[in-house]
Protein backbone atom coordinates (compact mmCIF):
# COMPACT_ATOMS: atom_id res chain seq x y z
CA MET A 1 0.07 -0.20 -0.14
CA ALA A 2 1.55 3.02 -1.10
CA GLU A 3 0.46 5.67 1.64
CA ASP A 4 -0.93 4.53 5.21
CA ILE A 5 -4.34 4.93 6.03
CA VAL A 6 -2.99 6.05 9.52
CA ASP A 7 -1.08 8.79 8.10
CA ILE A 8 -4.38 9.88 5.92
CA MET A 9 -6.17 9.48 8.84
CA ARG A 10 -3.97 11.89 11.33
CA ASP A 11 -3.32 14.32 8.40
CA THR A 12 -7.49 14.14 8.21
CA MET A 13 -7.95 14.06 11.74
CA ALA A 14 -10.25 17.26 12.65
CA ALA A 15 -11.86 16.51 9.43
CA ILE A 16 -13.08 12.94 11.37
CA PRO A 17 -16.34 14.23 13.79
CA GLY A 18 -15.66 12.22 16.56
CA ALA A 19 -12.53 10.87 16.38
CA ILE A 20 -9.70 11.28 19.56
CA GLY A 21 -6.89 9.10 18.19
CA ALA A 22 -5.79 6.84 15.40
CA HIS A 23 -2.44 4.57 16.00
CA ARG A 24 -1.21 0.97 14.74
CA GLU A 25 -1.49 -1.52 18.09
CA ARG A 26 0.64 -4.91 17.34
CA GLY A 27 0.10 -4.07 13.35
CA GLU A 28 -3.86 -3.63 13.96
CA LEU A 29 -5.08 -0.53 13.00
CA VAL A 30 -6.73 1.32 16.32
CA LEU A 31 -9.30 4.43 16.39
CA ARG A 32 -10.69 6.12 19.55
CA ALA A 33 -14.09 7.74 18.95
CA GLU A 34 -16.29 9.82 21.43
CA ARG A 35 -19.84 8.29 22.31
CA GLY A 36 -22.10 11.58 20.57
CA GLN A 37 -20.21 11.82 17.38
CA ALA A 38 -19.48 7.99 16.88
CA TYR A 39 -22.66 7.87 14.05
CA ALA A 40 -20.96 10.61 12.05
CA LEU A 41 -17.70 8.70 12.55
CA PHE A 42 -18.72 5.65 10.82
CA GLN A 43 -20.77 6.92 8.24
CA THR A 44 -17.15 8.87 7.57
CA LEU A 45 -15.31 5.68 7.51
CA ARG A 46 -18.13 4.13 5.04
CA ASP A 47 -18.21 6.29 2.71
CA ARG A 48 -14.97 8.53 2.58
CA PHE A 49 -11.83 5.68 3.66
CA GLY A 50 -14.20 2.77 2.44
CA PHE A 51 -14.91 0.55 4.95
CA GLN A 52 -17.54 -1.18 3.47
CA GLN A 53 -18.28 -3.82 6.00
CA VAL A 54 -18.95 -4.22 9.95
CA MET A 55 -17.17 -7.18 10.71
CA ASP A 56 -18.25 -7.87 14.63
CA ILE A 57 -18.97 -5.72 17.57
CA CYS A 58 -18.37 -6.67 20.97
CA GLY A 59 -17.87 -5.61 24.37
CA VAL A 60 -16.02 -5.33 27.33
CA ASP A 61 -16.83 -4.97 30.71
CA TRP A 62 -14.36 -2.85 33.18
CA PRO A 63 -15.74 -2.51 36.15
CA GLN A 64 -13.29 0.14 37.52
CA ARG A 65 -14.20 2.21 35.13
CA ALA A 66 -16.70 5.27 35.71
CA LEU A 67 -17.37 4.53 31.74
CA ARG A 68 -17.49 0.86 32.25
CA PHE A 69 -17.68 -0.47 28.92
CA ASP A 70 -16.26 -0.66 25.03
CA VAL A 71 -17.94 -1.07 22.77
CA VAL A 72 -15.41 -2.52 19.73
CA TYR A 73 -16.35 -2.25 16.18
CA ASN A 74 -14.24 -4.23 13.92
CA LEU A 75 -14.51 -2.88 10.37
CA LEU A 76 -13.26 -4.12 6.82
CA SER A 77 -12.20 -2.07 3.88
CA VAL A 78 -12.37 -4.96 0.92
CA THR A 79 -10.52 -1.99 -1.59
CA ARG A 80 -8.13 -1.72 1.29
CA ASN A 81 -7.39 -4.69 2.35
CA GLU A 82 -7.37 -3.03 5.14
CA ARG A 83 -9.11 -3.61 9.10
CA LEU A 84 -9.84 -0.98 11.30
CA ARG A 85 -11.33 -1.09 14.94
CA VAL A 86 -13.29 1.59 16.67
CA ILE A 87 -13.48 1.53 20.34
CA VAL A 88 -16.55 3.60 21.51
CA GLN A 89 -16.84 3.99 25.64
CA THR A 90 -20.06 4.16 27.44
CA ASP A 91 -21.65 3.64 31.18
CA GLU A 92 -24.30 1.89 32.13
CA ALA A 93 -27.30 4.28 31.61
CA THR A 94 -25.93 5.99 28.45
CA PRO A 95 -27.24 4.52 25.10
CA VAL A 96 -24.66 3.99 22.01
CA THR A 97 -26.27 5.02 18.86
CA SER A 98 -27.19 1.99 16.59
CA VAL A 99 -24.91 1.97 13.19
CA SER A 100 -27.82 -0.24 11.67
CA ALA A 101 -28.04 2.23 9.07
CA ILE A 102 -24.84 2.20 8.10
CA TRP A 103 -24.54 -1.51 7.96
CA PRO A 104 -27.71 -3.37 8.38
CA SER A 105 -25.37 -6.78 9.43
CA ALA A 106 -24.98 -4.54 12.64
CA THR A 107 -28.16 -5.46 13.96
CA TRP A 108 -27.59 -8.90 14.99
CA TRP A 109 -24.34 -7.76 16.50
CA GLU A 110 -26.01 -5.46 18.58
CA ARG A 111 -28.06 -7.31 20.01
CA GLU A 112 -26.07 -9.51 21.02
CA VAL A 113 -23.58 -7.34 23.27
CA TRP A 114 -27.22 -5.75 24.66
CA ASP A 115 -27.87 -9.17 25.52
CA LEU A 116 -24.78 -10.15 27.21
CA PHE A 117 -23.70 -6.73 28.90
CA GLY A 118 -27.02 -5.26 29.04
CA ILE A 119 -25.46 -1.73 26.53
CA ALA A 120 -28.06 -0.37 24.99
CA PHE A 121 -28.06 1.16 21.23
CA GLU A 122 -30.24 3.37 20.52
CA GLY A 123 -32.24 3.37 17.04
CA LEU A 124 -32.21 -0.42 17.36
CA GLU A 125 -35.63 -1.64 16.49
CA ASP A 126 -35.45 -5.24 17.69
CA HIS A 127 -33.69 -5.22 21.18
CA ARG A 128 -34.80 -9.09 22.15
CA ARG A 129 -32.57 -11.35 23.71
CA ILE A 130 -30.29 -13.59 20.81
CA LEU A 131 -28.46 -15.99 23.03
CA SER A 132 -29.91 -16.35 26.54
CA ASP A 133 -33.54 -16.92 26.72
CA TYR A 134 -36.66 -13.81 26.59
CA GLY A 135 -37.04 -14.57 29.90
CA PHE A 136 -33.50 -14.99 31.45
CA GLU A 137 -32.48 -11.96 34.06
CA GLY A 138 -29.59 -9.93 33.91
CA HIS A 139 -26.37 -9.69 31.33
CA PRO A 140 -23.94 -12.84 31.69
CA LEU A 141 -20.98 -11.20 30.59
CA ARG A 142 -20.24 -8.30 33.01
CA LYS A 143 -17.93 -8.99 35.47
CA ASP A 144 -20.32 -8.74 38.39
CA PHE A 145 -22.89 -11.66 36.85
CA PRO A 146 -22.52 -14.62 39.28
CA LEU A 147 -20.91 -17.63 37.39
CA THR A 148 -22.85 -19.75 39.07
CA GLY A 149 -25.85 -17.33 37.42
CA TYR A 150 -29.34 -16.55 38.98
CA VAL A 151 -31.73 -19.06 38.21
CA GLU A 152 -31.01 -23.12 36.93
CA VAL A 153 -33.31 -24.50 34.32
CA HIS A 154 -34.78 -27.89 34.14
CA TYR A 155 -37.59 -29.85 32.32
CA ASP A 156 -40.44 -31.42 34.58
CA THR A 157 -41.57 -34.37 32.85
CA GLU A 158 -44.68 -33.75 35.55
CA ARG A 159 -46.18 -30.47 34.57
CA LYS A 160 -44.60 -31.26 31.20
CA ALA A 161 -42.74 -27.77 30.85
CA VAL A 162 -39.65 -26.05 31.45
CA VAL A 163 -39.48 -24.75 35.05
CA TYR A 164 -36.63 -22.10 36.50
CA ASP A 165 -35.79 -22.51 39.72
CA LYS A 166 -33.20 -20.87 42.18
CA VAL A 167 -29.39 -21.87 42.22
CA ARG A 168 -28.91 -24.75 44.76
CA LEU A 169 -25.31 -25.69 44.91
CA THR A 170 -25.92 -29.94 46.08
CA GLN A 171 -21.96 -30.24 47.02
CA GLU A 172 -19.65 -28.05 48.83
CA PHE A 173 -16.92 -26.10 47.26
CA ARG A 174 -13.95 -27.85 46.86
CA ASN A 175 -10.16 -26.55 46.86
CA PHE A 176 -8.10 -28.49 44.64
CA ASP A 177 -4.29 -28.62 44.97
CA PHE A 178 -4.08 -29.31 41.78
CA LEU A 179 -0.79 -31.75 41.92
CA SER A 180 -0.05 -34.54 39.84
CA PRO A 181 -0.10 -38.01 41.74
CA TRP A 182 3.38 -37.93 41.42
CA GLU A 183 4.02 -34.52 43.09
CA ALA A 184 1.73 -35.31 45.39
CA MET A 185 3.53 -38.34 46.82
CA THR A 186 6.85 -37.41 49.03
CA THR A 187 7.61 -40.94 49.94
CA LEU A 188 7.36 -44.25 47.96
CA PRO A 189 7.36 -47.77 48.85
CA GLY A 190 11.08 -49.38 49.27
CA ASP A 191 12.22 -45.54 50.39
CA GLU A 192 13.22 -47.07 53.81
CA LYS A 193 16.07 -49.40 52.26
CA ALA A 194 17.70 -46.29 50.33
CA ARG A 195 17.07 -44.12 53.42
CA GLY A 196 19.19 -47.32 55.19
CA ASP A 197 15.85 -47.53 57.44
CA ARG A 198 15.98 -51.28 58.95
CA LYS A 199 13.26 -52.87 60.53
């Protein structure tokens, strides 16, 4: 490629709405964006820089931050043979503008992010759960979601229905030493001869 897209973006950063900074990280192009102007940024990336496809959208939970979530958009420019990762930060209460009008396939990814992280998308017409059950409570990929979950599901043959119950741990929690059987054994049969123990 004659001209690197990072250099192009740096030269025109003032003209890109909502862009905070562009850099390469481990060979991958990364762009941070302001949440309020992210939609205009994505339109510019598609129309001016040729990022025709959104490959996926995912979330990252940082519970110690005020803006707890990163929404990560992975874009592809087929004409440039270039990938771009755009990161937009948000909190639990503030929605991110949906990009489903720019890339219709983004609807599925945004539904998945909402289902697993609880990040709302303004303008997304369909906020139904996509991976978990419709009656599911909570968002399982948040770091504060309990490992055992809140409910367990089983099929009751008497009721002929799926039943939701509170989680019951049928066994005490066990600590494991994770040693192999050979490491855990400190003495082996026959060691007394090697040590000179005589009986």
